[in-house]
Amino acid sequence: MINPLVVNSSIHTALYLVSTPIGNLKDVTLRAIEILKGVDIIASEDTRKTKILLSTYNIKKPLISYYEHNKVSRTPAIISKIKSGKSVALVTDSGTPGIQDPGFYLVREAISNGIDIISIPGPSAFVSALVTSGLPTDKFLFEGFLPRRSGRRKKRLQEVANYRGTLIFYESPHRLLVFLKDVLNVFGNRKIAVMRELTKKFEEIKRGTIKEMIEYFTENSPRGEFVIVVEGKTDGYKTI
C-alpha cells in the first residue's frame, strides 16, 4: 500500500519551482524550506523580498536575480549551471513561479534542454481569492493583468464576456477604479469580490455588485495589490 504522506528529502540536479508566501511568511511549506536550504542556487524575481524570507528561516544560499527584463540574457547561464550538475530553485516575488511572471520562459527553455522540472506547490493569490469569493469554483478563467490601455482592456473583456464560469483578474491600486468601470460597461452589474493584501496585516475582502465596489473604492482610496473575482455570464445579464 502506498503511503500518501511520503517524505522525500533528496535533491538532485533539476530546476525547482518553489512557491513562496503571498504575504504572511508563515505560509511557506516545510518542503519549500527544505528545498531552498538544499539547492545550490536560488534564482529570484525580487531579491529584496526573497532575502527577507531566507533570513526568516536562516537559509544561506547564493542568490541571483531573474526578472522580466533580464530573463533572456540570464536564462542561458542558469541552464548551463543546471546542465553542469547544479540544482537551482526559482522563486517569484510571491506565490507560485510561472504565473504572471518570467518563470514560464525559464521553464520552457529548461524543458527544451532536457532538464527535470520539479514543482514545490504552495500559495497562489488567485486560488485563495477564488475560494473565499463566494462565487462558483467548479469552472473558472484566470486572466491575470489585462492590458493597461482602456481600449485593449475592453476588447479582452468583450472576448470573455460570455464565459459562464467565474473570472479572475489582477489589478494595481491606481488602475482599480478604471478597471471596474470598464468591467461594468462590458459585463453589466454582476456579482463581484474585490480582495487586497491577501494574508497580510491589512487584508480586505469586499463582496457585492460591481456598482457597489465602484462606489466603495471611490470613497475609499485603493491601496495594495488587488485580486478581482467576477461572476460569470448568466442568462440574466446583457453584455455589449
C-alpha atoms as a PDB file:
ATOM      1  CA  MET A   1       0.000   0.000   0.000  1.00  0.00           C
ATOM      2  CA  ILE A   2       1.350   3.432  -0.966  1.00  0.00           C
ATOM      3  CA  ASN A   3       1.655   5.922   1.870  1.00  0.00           C
ATOM      4  CA  PRO A   4       0.059   9.202   0.679  1.00  0.00           C
ATOM      5  CA  LEU A   5       2.291  11.199   3.058  1.00  0.00           C
ATOM      6  CA  VAL A   6       5.685  10.405   1.606  1.00  0.00           C
ATOM      7  CA  VAL A   7       8.635  12.480   2.778  1.00  0.00           C
ATOM      8  CA  ASN A   8      11.286  12.680   0.074  1.00  0.00           C
ATOM      9  CA  SER A   9      14.217  14.840   1.075  1.00  0.00           C
ATOM     10  CA  SER A  10      16.523  14.013  -1.828  1.00  0.00           C
ATOM     11  CA  ILE A  11      17.578  16.934  -4.003  1.00  0.00           C
ATOM     12  CA  HIS A  12      19.107  16.258  -7.381  1.00  0.00           C
ATOM     13  CA  THR A  13      20.104  18.220 -10.470  1.00  0.00           C
ATOM     14  CA  ALA A  14      16.922  19.975 -11.593  1.00  0.00           C
ATOM     15  CA  LEU A  15      15.009  23.243 -11.783  1.00  0.00           C
ATOM     16  CA  TYR A  16      12.779  23.538  -8.717  1.00  0.00           C
ATOM     17  CA  LEU A  17       9.753  25.840  -8.918  1.00  0.00           C
ATOM     18  CA  VAL A  18       9.326  26.822  -5.287  1.00  0.00           C
ATOM     19  CA  SER A  19       6.115  28.520  -4.191  1.00  0.00           C
ATOM     20  CA  THR A  20       6.600  31.180  -1.516  1.00  0.00           C
ATOM     21  CA  PRO A  21       4.136  33.125   0.682  1.00  0.00           C
ATOM     22  CA  ILE A  22       1.948  35.783  -0.914  1.00  0.00           C
ATOM     23  CA  GLY A  23       2.105  37.833   2.261  1.00  0.00           C
ATOM     24  CA  ASN A  24       2.292  36.022   5.575  1.00  0.00           C
ATOM     25  CA  LEU A  25       5.725  34.393   5.844  1.00  0.00           C
ATOM     26  CA  LYS A  26       4.278  31.591   7.981  1.00  0.00           C
ATOM     27  CA  ASP A  27       2.501  30.248   4.900  1.00  0.00           C
ATOM     28  CA  VAL A  28       5.717  28.753   3.493  1.00  0.00           C
ATOM     29  CA  THR A  29       5.662  24.950   3.374  1.00  0.00           C
ATOM     30  CA  LEU A  30       8.123  22.650   5.137  1.00  0.00           C
ATOM     31  CA  ARG A  31       9.135  21.204   1.783  1.00  0.00           C
ATOM     32  CA  ALA A  32       9.790  24.664   0.338  1.00  0.00           C
ATOM     33  CA  ILE A  33      12.158  25.424   3.215  1.00  0.00           C
ATOM     34  CA  GLU A  34      13.873  22.077   2.731  1.00  0.00           C
ATOM     35  CA  ILE A  35      14.394  22.662  -0.983  1.00  0.00           C
ATOM     36  CA  LEU A  36      15.633  26.233  -0.542  1.00  0.00           C
ATOM     37  CA  LYS A  37      18.142  25.007   2.041  1.00  0.00           C
ATOM     38  CA  GLY A  38      19.273  22.145  -0.170  1.00  0.00           C
ATOM     39  CA  VAL A  39      19.700  23.611  -3.658  1.00  0.00           C
ATOM     40  CA  ASP A  40      22.946  25.116  -4.909  1.00  0.00           C
ATOM     41  CA  ILE A  41      21.469  28.382  -6.248  1.00  0.00           C
ATOM     42  CA  ILE A  42      18.250  30.376  -5.843  1.00  0.00           C
ATOM     43  CA  ALA A  43      17.004  32.478  -8.775  1.00  0.00           C
ATOM     44  CA  SER A  44      14.653  35.212  -7.597  1.00  0.00           C
ATOM     45  CA  GLU A  45      12.321  37.683  -9.315  1.00  0.00           C
ATOM     46  CA  ASP A  46      12.671  40.117  -6.405  1.00  0.00           C
ATOM     47  CA  THR A  47      15.845  39.507  -4.405  1.00  0.00           C
ATOM     48  CA  ARG A  48      14.855  42.033  -1.735  1.00  0.00           C
ATOM     49  CA  LYS A  49      11.707  40.100  -0.841  1.00  0.00           C
ATOM     50  CA  THR A  50      13.460  36.759  -1.131  1.00  0.00           C
ATOM     51  CA  LYS A  51      16.216  37.866   1.257  1.00  0.00           C
ATOM     52  CA  ILE A  52      13.567  38.583   3.906  1.00  0.00           C
ATOM     53  CA  LEU A  53      12.143  35.068   3.532  1.00  0.00           C
ATOM     54  CA  LEU A  54      15.572  33.422   3.551  1.00  0.00           C
ATOM     55  CA  SER A  55      16.650  35.401   6.611  1.00  0.00           C
ATOM     56  CA  THR A  56      13.470  34.441   8.470  1.00  0.00           C
ATOM     57  CA  TYR A  57      14.233  30.737   8.019  1.00  0.00           C
ATOM     58  CA  ASN A  58      18.027  31.023   8.325  1.00  0.00           C
ATOM     59  CA  ILE A  59      18.664  29.981   4.727  1.00  0.00           C
ATOM     60  CA  LYS A  60      22.021  30.996   3.293  1.00  0.00           C
ATOM     61  CA  LYS A  61      22.388  30.281  -0.415  1.00  0.00           C
ATOM     62  CA  PRO A  62      23.778  32.128  -3.460  1.00  0.00           C
ATOM     63  CA  LEU A  63      21.021  34.365  -4.806  1.00  0.00           C
ATOM     64  CA  ILE A  64      20.762  35.655  -8.379  1.00  0.00           C
ATOM     65  CA  SER A  65      18.147  37.955  -9.897  1.00  0.00           C
ATOM     66  CA  TYR A  66      15.816  36.661 -12.579  1.00  0.00           C
ATOM     67  CA  TYR A  67      13.073  39.026 -13.724  1.00  0.00           C
ATOM     68  CA  GLU A  68      11.238  40.188 -16.826  1.00  0.00           C
ATOM     69  CA  HIS A  69      13.935  42.493 -18.164  1.00  0.00           C
ATOM     70  CA  ASN A  70      16.891  40.132 -17.770  1.00  0.00           C
ATOM     71  CA  LYS A  71      15.267  36.756 -18.432  1.00  0.00           C
ATOM     72  CA  VAL A  72      16.626  36.430 -21.988  1.00  0.00           C
ATOM     73  CA  SER A  73      20.214  37.203 -21.003  1.00  0.00           C
ATOM     74  CA  ARG A  74      20.148  35.330 -17.676  1.00  0.00           C
ATOM     75  CA  THR A  75      18.460  32.100 -18.812  1.00  0.00           C
ATOM     76  CA  PRO A  76      21.439  30.549 -20.688  1.00  0.00           C
ATOM     77  CA  ALA A  77      23.633  30.885 -17.607  1.00  0.00           C
ATOM     78  CA  ILE A  78      21.031  29.199 -15.402  1.00  0.00           C
ATOM     79  CA  ILE A  79      20.547  26.397 -17.915  1.00  0.00           C
ATOM     80  CA  SER A  80      24.315  25.949 -18.111  1.00  0.00           C
ATOM     81  CA  LYS A  81      24.646  25.675 -14.326  1.00  0.00           C
ATOM     82  CA  ILE A  82      21.953  23.009 -14.149  1.00  0.00           C
ATOM     83  CA  LYS A  83      23.468  21.024 -17.020  1.00  0.00           C
ATOM     84  CA  SER A  84      26.814  21.140 -15.199  1.00  0.00           C
ATOM     85  CA  GLY A  85      25.233  19.404 -12.210  1.00  0.00           C
ATOM     86  CA  LYS A  86      23.877  22.258 -10.091  1.00  0.00           C
ATOM     87  CA  SER A  87      20.388  22.373  -8.602  1.00  0.00           C
ATOM     88  CA  VAL A  88      18.501  25.666  -8.979  1.00  0.00           C
ATOM     89  CA  ALA A  89      15.367  26.884  -7.212  1.00  0.00           C
ATOM     90  CA  LEU A  90      13.237  29.529  -8.918  1.00  0.00           C
ATOM     91  CA  VAL A  91      11.087  31.793  -6.751  1.00  0.00           C
ATOM     92  CA  THR A  92       8.809  34.637  -7.794  1.00  0.00           C
ATOM     93  CA  ASP A  93       8.249  37.821  -5.777  1.00  0.00           C
ATOM     94  CA  SER A  94       5.346  35.979  -4.124  1.00  0.00           C
ATOM     95  CA  GLY A  95       3.236  32.913  -4.781  1.00  0.00           C
ATOM     96  CA  THR A  96       3.839  30.265  -7.413  1.00  0.00           C
ATOM     97  CA  PRO A  97       6.529  30.759 -10.091  1.00  0.00           C
ATOM     98  CA  GLY A  98       5.326  30.820 -13.683  1.00  0.00           C
ATOM     99  CA  ILE A  99       2.051  32.626 -13.038  1.00  0.00           C
ATOM    100  CA  GLN A 100       2.163  36.170 -14.425  1.00  0.00           C
ATOM    101  CA  ASP A 101       5.960  36.251 -14.153  1.00  0.00           C
ATOM    102  CA  PRO A 102       9.038  35.358 -16.275  1.00  0.00           C
ATOM    103  CA  GLY A 103       9.234  31.848 -14.824  1.00  0.00           C
ATOM    104  CA  PHE A 104       7.392  30.465 -17.848  1.00  0.00           C
ATOM    105  CA  TYR A 105      10.294  31.455 -20.117  1.00  0.00           C
ATOM    106  CA  LEU A 106      12.853  29.626 -17.975  1.00  0.00           C
ATOM    107  CA  VAL A 107      10.657  26.539 -17.659  1.00  0.00           C
ATOM    108  CA  ARG A 108      10.190  26.327 -21.420  1.00  0.00           C
ATOM    109  CA  GLU A 109      13.933  26.643 -22.048  1.00  0.00           C
ATOM    110  CA  ALA A 110      14.716  24.079 -19.360  1.00  0.00           C
ATOM    111  CA  ILE A 111      12.314  21.586 -20.933  1.00  0.00           C
ATOM    112  CA  SER A 112      13.872  22.081 -24.372  1.00  0.00           C
ATOM    113  CA  ASN A 113      17.251  21.288 -22.800  1.00  0.00           C
ATOM    114  CA  GLY A 114      16.019  18.067 -21.225  1.00  0.00           C
ATOM    115  CA  ILE A 115      16.186  19.401 -17.663  1.00  0.00           C
ATOM    116  CA  ASP A 116      13.921  17.992 -14.956  1.00  0.00           C
ATOM    117  CA  ILE A 117      11.279  20.429 -13.676  1.00  0.00           C
ATOM    118  CA  ILE A 118      10.051  19.858 -10.130  1.00  0.00           C
ATOM    119  CA  SER A 119       7.167  21.888  -8.695  1.00  0.00           C
ATOM    120  CA  ILE A 120       7.032  22.620  -4.973  1.00  0.00           C
ATOM    121  CA  PRO A 121       3.382  23.630  -4.586  1.00  0.00           C
ATOM    122  CA  GLY A 122       2.143  26.266  -2.200  1.00  0.00           C
ATOM    123  CA  PRO A 123       0.403  29.661  -2.012  1.00  0.00           C
ATOM    124  CA  SER A 124      -1.264  31.281  -5.011  1.00  0.00           C
ATOM    125  CA  ALA A 125      -3.141  34.564  -4.750  1.00  0.00           C
ATOM    126  CA  PHE A 126      -5.782  33.808  -7.358  1.00  0.00           C
ATOM    127  CA  VAL A 127      -6.672  30.428  -5.818  1.00  0.00           C
ATOM    128  CA  SER A 128      -7.003  31.984  -2.354  1.00  0.00           C
ATOM    129  CA  ALA A 129      -9.201  34.718  -3.819  1.00  0.00           C
ATOM    130  CA  LEU A 130     -11.399  32.283  -5.730  1.00  0.00           C
ATOM    131  CA  VAL A 131     -12.190  30.020  -2.783  1.00  0.00           C
ATOM    132  CA  THR A 132     -13.026  32.952  -0.480  1.00  0.00           C
ATOM    133  CA  SER A 133     -15.069  34.905  -3.037  1.00  0.00           C
ATOM    134  CA  GLY A 134     -18.328  33.014  -2.559  1.00  0.00           C
ATOM    135  CA  LEU A 135     -18.603  32.632  -6.348  1.00  0.00           C
ATOM    136  CA  PRO A 136     -18.660  29.246  -8.128  1.00  0.00           C
ATOM    137  CA  THR A 137     -15.334  27.409  -8.113  1.00  0.00           C
ATOM    138  CA  ASP A 138     -16.127  24.465 -10.381  1.00  0.00           C
ATOM    139  CA  LYS A 139     -15.239  26.388 -13.542  1.00  0.00           C
ATOM    140  CA  PHE A 140     -13.086  29.500 -13.728  1.00  0.00           C
ATOM    141  CA  LEU A 141     -10.896  31.534 -16.064  1.00  0.00           C
ATOM    142  CA  PHE A 142      -7.739  33.205 -14.769  1.00  0.00           C
ATOM    143  CA  GLU A 143      -6.908  36.332 -16.776  1.00  0.00           C
ATOM    144  CA  GLY A 144      -4.342  37.978 -14.509  1.00  0.00           C
ATOM    145  CA  PHE A 145      -3.407  41.536 -15.504  1.00  0.00           C
ATOM    146  CA  LEU A 146      -5.282  42.878 -18.527  1.00  0.00           C
ATOM    147  CA  PRO A 147      -3.754  45.487 -20.894  1.00  0.00           C
ATOM    148  CA  ARG A 148      -3.212  48.898 -19.341  1.00  0.00           C
ATOM    149  CA  ARG A 149      -4.873  50.821 -22.176  1.00  0.00           C
ATOM    150  CA  SER A 150      -8.639  51.022 -21.822  1.00  0.00           C
ATOM    151  CA  GLY A 151      -9.336  50.182 -25.467  1.00  0.00           C
ATOM    152  CA  ARG A 152      -7.322  46.975 -25.416  1.00  0.00           C
ATOM    153  CA  ARG A 153      -8.650  46.121 -21.957  1.00  0.00           C
ATOM    154  CA  LYS A 154     -12.271  46.460 -23.093  1.00  0.00           C
ATOM    155  CA  LYS A 155     -11.541  44.336 -26.145  1.00  0.00           C
ATOM    156  CA  ARG A 156     -10.288  41.497 -23.953  1.00  0.00           C
ATOM    157  CA  LEU A 157     -13.227  41.891 -21.591  1.00  0.00           C
ATOM    158  CA  GLN A 158     -15.596  41.603 -24.544  1.00  0.00           C
ATOM    159  CA  GLU A 159     -13.839  38.403 -25.608  1.00  0.00           C
ATOM    160  CA  VAL A 160     -14.552  36.773 -22.228  1.00  0.00           C
ATOM    161  CA  ALA A 161     -17.906  38.443 -21.508  1.00  0.00           C
ATOM    162  CA  ASN A 162     -19.930  35.348 -22.358  1.00  0.00           C
ATOM    163  CA  TYR A 163     -17.812  32.925 -20.361  1.00  0.00           C
ATOM    164  CA  ARG A 164     -20.112  31.081 -17.945  1.00  0.00           C
ATOM    165  CA  GLY A 165     -17.524  30.356 -15.290  1.00  0.00           C
ATOM    166  CA  THR A 166     -16.034  32.667 -12.679  1.00  0.00           C
ATOM    167  CA  LEU A 167     -13.441  35.156 -13.942  1.00  0.00           C
ATOM    168  CA  ILE A 168     -10.323  36.189 -12.018  1.00  0.00           C
ATOM    169  CA  PHE A 169      -8.192  39.285 -12.601  1.00  0.00           C
ATOM    170  CA  TYR A 170      -5.209  41.049 -11.029  1.00  0.00           C
ATOM    171  CA  GLU A 171      -5.033  44.835 -10.833  1.00  0.00           C
ATOM    172  CA  SER A 172      -2.905  47.565  -9.293  1.00  0.00           C
ATOM    173  CA  PRO A 173      -4.408  50.181  -6.942  1.00  0.00           C
ATOM    174  CA  HIS A 174      -4.049  53.169  -9.268  1.00  0.00           C
ATOM    175  CA  ARG A 175      -5.933  51.391 -12.072  1.00  0.00           C
ATOM    176  CA  LEU A 176      -8.577  49.622  -9.986  1.00  0.00           C
ATOM    177  CA  LEU A 177     -11.401  52.131 -10.485  1.00  0.00           C
ATOM    178  CA  VAL A 178     -10.973  52.473 -14.253  1.00  0.00           C
ATOM    179  CA  PHE A 179     -10.781  48.690 -14.468  1.00  0.00           C
ATOM    180  CA  LEU A 180     -14.035  48.266 -12.514  1.00  0.00           C
ATOM    181  CA  LYS A 181     -15.767  50.869 -14.705  1.00  0.00           C
ATOM    182  CA  ASP A 182     -14.685  49.017 -17.847  1.00  0.00           C
ATOM    183  CA  VAL A 183     -15.925  45.731 -16.368  1.00  0.00           C
ATOM    184  CA  LEU A 184     -19.294  47.310 -15.571  1.00  0.00           C
ATOM    185  CA  ASN A 185     -19.518  48.770 -19.061  1.00  0.00           C
ATOM    186  CA  VAL A 186     -18.816  45.435 -20.736  1.00  0.00           C
ATOM    187  CA  PHE A 187     -20.253  42.846 -18.311  1.00  0.00           C
ATOM    188  CA  GLY A 188     -23.164  44.657 -16.732  1.00  0.00           C
ATOM    189  CA  ASN A 189     -23.690  44.848 -12.966  1.00  0.00           C
ATOM    190  CA  ARG A 190     -22.595  41.373 -11.908  1.00  0.00           C
ATOM    191  CA  LYS A 191     -21.663  39.998  -8.503  1.00  0.00           C
ATOM    192  CA  ILE A 192     -18.033  40.566  -7.626  1.00  0.00           C
ATOM    193  CA  ALA A 193     -15.467  40.079  -4.878  1.00  0.00           C
ATOM    194  CA  VAL A 194     -12.553  42.503  -4.611  1.00  0.00           C
ATOM    195  CA  MET A 195      -9.642  41.494  -2.406  1.00  0.00           C
ATOM    196  CA  ARG A 196      -6.472  43.282  -1.430  1.00  0.00           C
ATOM    197  CA  GLU A 197      -3.352  42.383   0.544  1.00  0.00           C
ATOM    198  CA  LEU A 198      -4.371  38.731   0.948  1.00  0.00           C
ATOM    199  CA  THR A 199      -2.840  37.048   4.033  1.00  0.00           C
ATOM    200  CA  LYS A 200      -1.236  40.348   5.094  1.00  0.00           C
ATOM    201  CA  LYS A 201      -1.972  42.605   8.066  1.00  0.00           C
ATOM    202  CA  PHE A 202      -4.395  44.831   6.160  1.00  0.00           C
ATOM    203  CA  GLU A 203      -6.183  42.091   4.217  1.00  0.00           C
ATOM    204  CA  GLU A 204      -9.581  43.257   2.987  1.00  0.00           C
ATOM    205  CA  ILE A 205     -12.321  41.359   1.170  1.00  0.00           C
ATOM    206  CA  LYS A 206     -15.312  43.232  -0.239  1.00  0.00           C
ATOM    207  CA  ARG A 207     -18.251  41.438  -1.845  1.00  0.00           C
ATOM    208  CA  GLY A 208     -21.224  42.906  -3.662  1.00  0.00           C
ATOM    209  CA  THR A 209     -22.044  44.162  -7.143  1.00  0.00           C
ATOM    210  CA  ILE A 210     -19.680  45.951  -9.497  1.00  0.00           C
ATOM    211  CA  LYS A 211     -21.530  49.244  -8.943  1.00  0.00           C
ATOM    212  CA  GLU A 212     -21.224  48.847  -5.170  1.00  0.00           C
ATOM    213  CA  MET A 213     -17.489  48.238  -5.490  1.00  0.00           C
ATOM    214  CA  ILE A 214     -17.064  51.333  -7.662  1.00  0.00           C
ATOM    215  CA  GLU A 215     -18.910  53.391  -5.034  1.00  0.00           C
ATOM    216  CA  TYR A 216     -16.841  51.937  -2.211  1.00  0.00           C
ATOM    217  CA  PHE A 217     -13.440  52.484  -3.829  1.00  0.00           C
ATOM    218  CA  THR A 218     -14.434  55.961  -4.975  1.00  0.00           C
ATOM    219  CA  GLU A 219     -14.918  56.835  -1.309  1.00  0.00           C
ATOM    220  CA  ASN A 220     -12.016  54.700  -0.053  1.00  0.00           C
ATOM    221  CA  SER A 221      -8.760  55.148  -1.955  1.00  0.00           C
ATOM    222  CA  PRO A 222      -7.487  51.770  -3.250  1.00  0.00           C
ATOM    223  CA  ARG A 223      -4.236  50.589  -1.682  1.00  0.00           C
ATOM    224  CA  GLY A 224      -2.229  47.420  -2.126  1.00  0.00           C
ATOM    225  CA  GLU A 225      -2.365  44.738  -4.802  1.00  0.00           C
ATOM    226  CA  PHE A 226      -5.808  43.512  -5.837  1.00  0.00           C
ATOM    227  CA  VAL A 227      -7.396  40.272  -6.973  1.00  0.00           C
ATOM    228  CA  ILE A 228     -10.840  40.709  -8.537  1.00  0.00           C
ATOM    229  CA  VAL A 229     -13.218  37.756  -8.849  1.00  0.00           C
ATOM    230  CA  VAL A 230     -16.231  38.313 -11.105  1.00  0.00           C
ATOM    231  CA  GLU A 231     -19.356  36.235 -11.592  1.00  0.00           C
ATOM    232  CA  GLY A 232     -19.568  34.553 -14.988  1.00  0.00           C
ATOM    233  CA  LYS A 233     -22.203  35.148 -17.656  1.00  0.00           C
ATOM    234  CA  THR A 234     -25.765  34.097 -16.796  1.00  0.00           C
ATOM    235  CA  ASP A 235     -28.991  34.459 -18.725  1.00  0.00           C
ATOM    236  CA  GLY A 236     -29.868  37.445 -16.571  1.00  0.00           C
ATOM    237  CA  TYR A 237     -27.044  39.614 -17.906  1.00  0.00           C
ATOM    238  CA  LYS A 238     -26.825  41.578 -21.096  1.00  0.00           C
ATOM    239  CA  THR A 239     -23.348  42.329 -22.420  1.00  0.00           C
ATOM    240  CA  ILE A 240     -22.307  44.735 -25.169  1.00  0.00           C
END
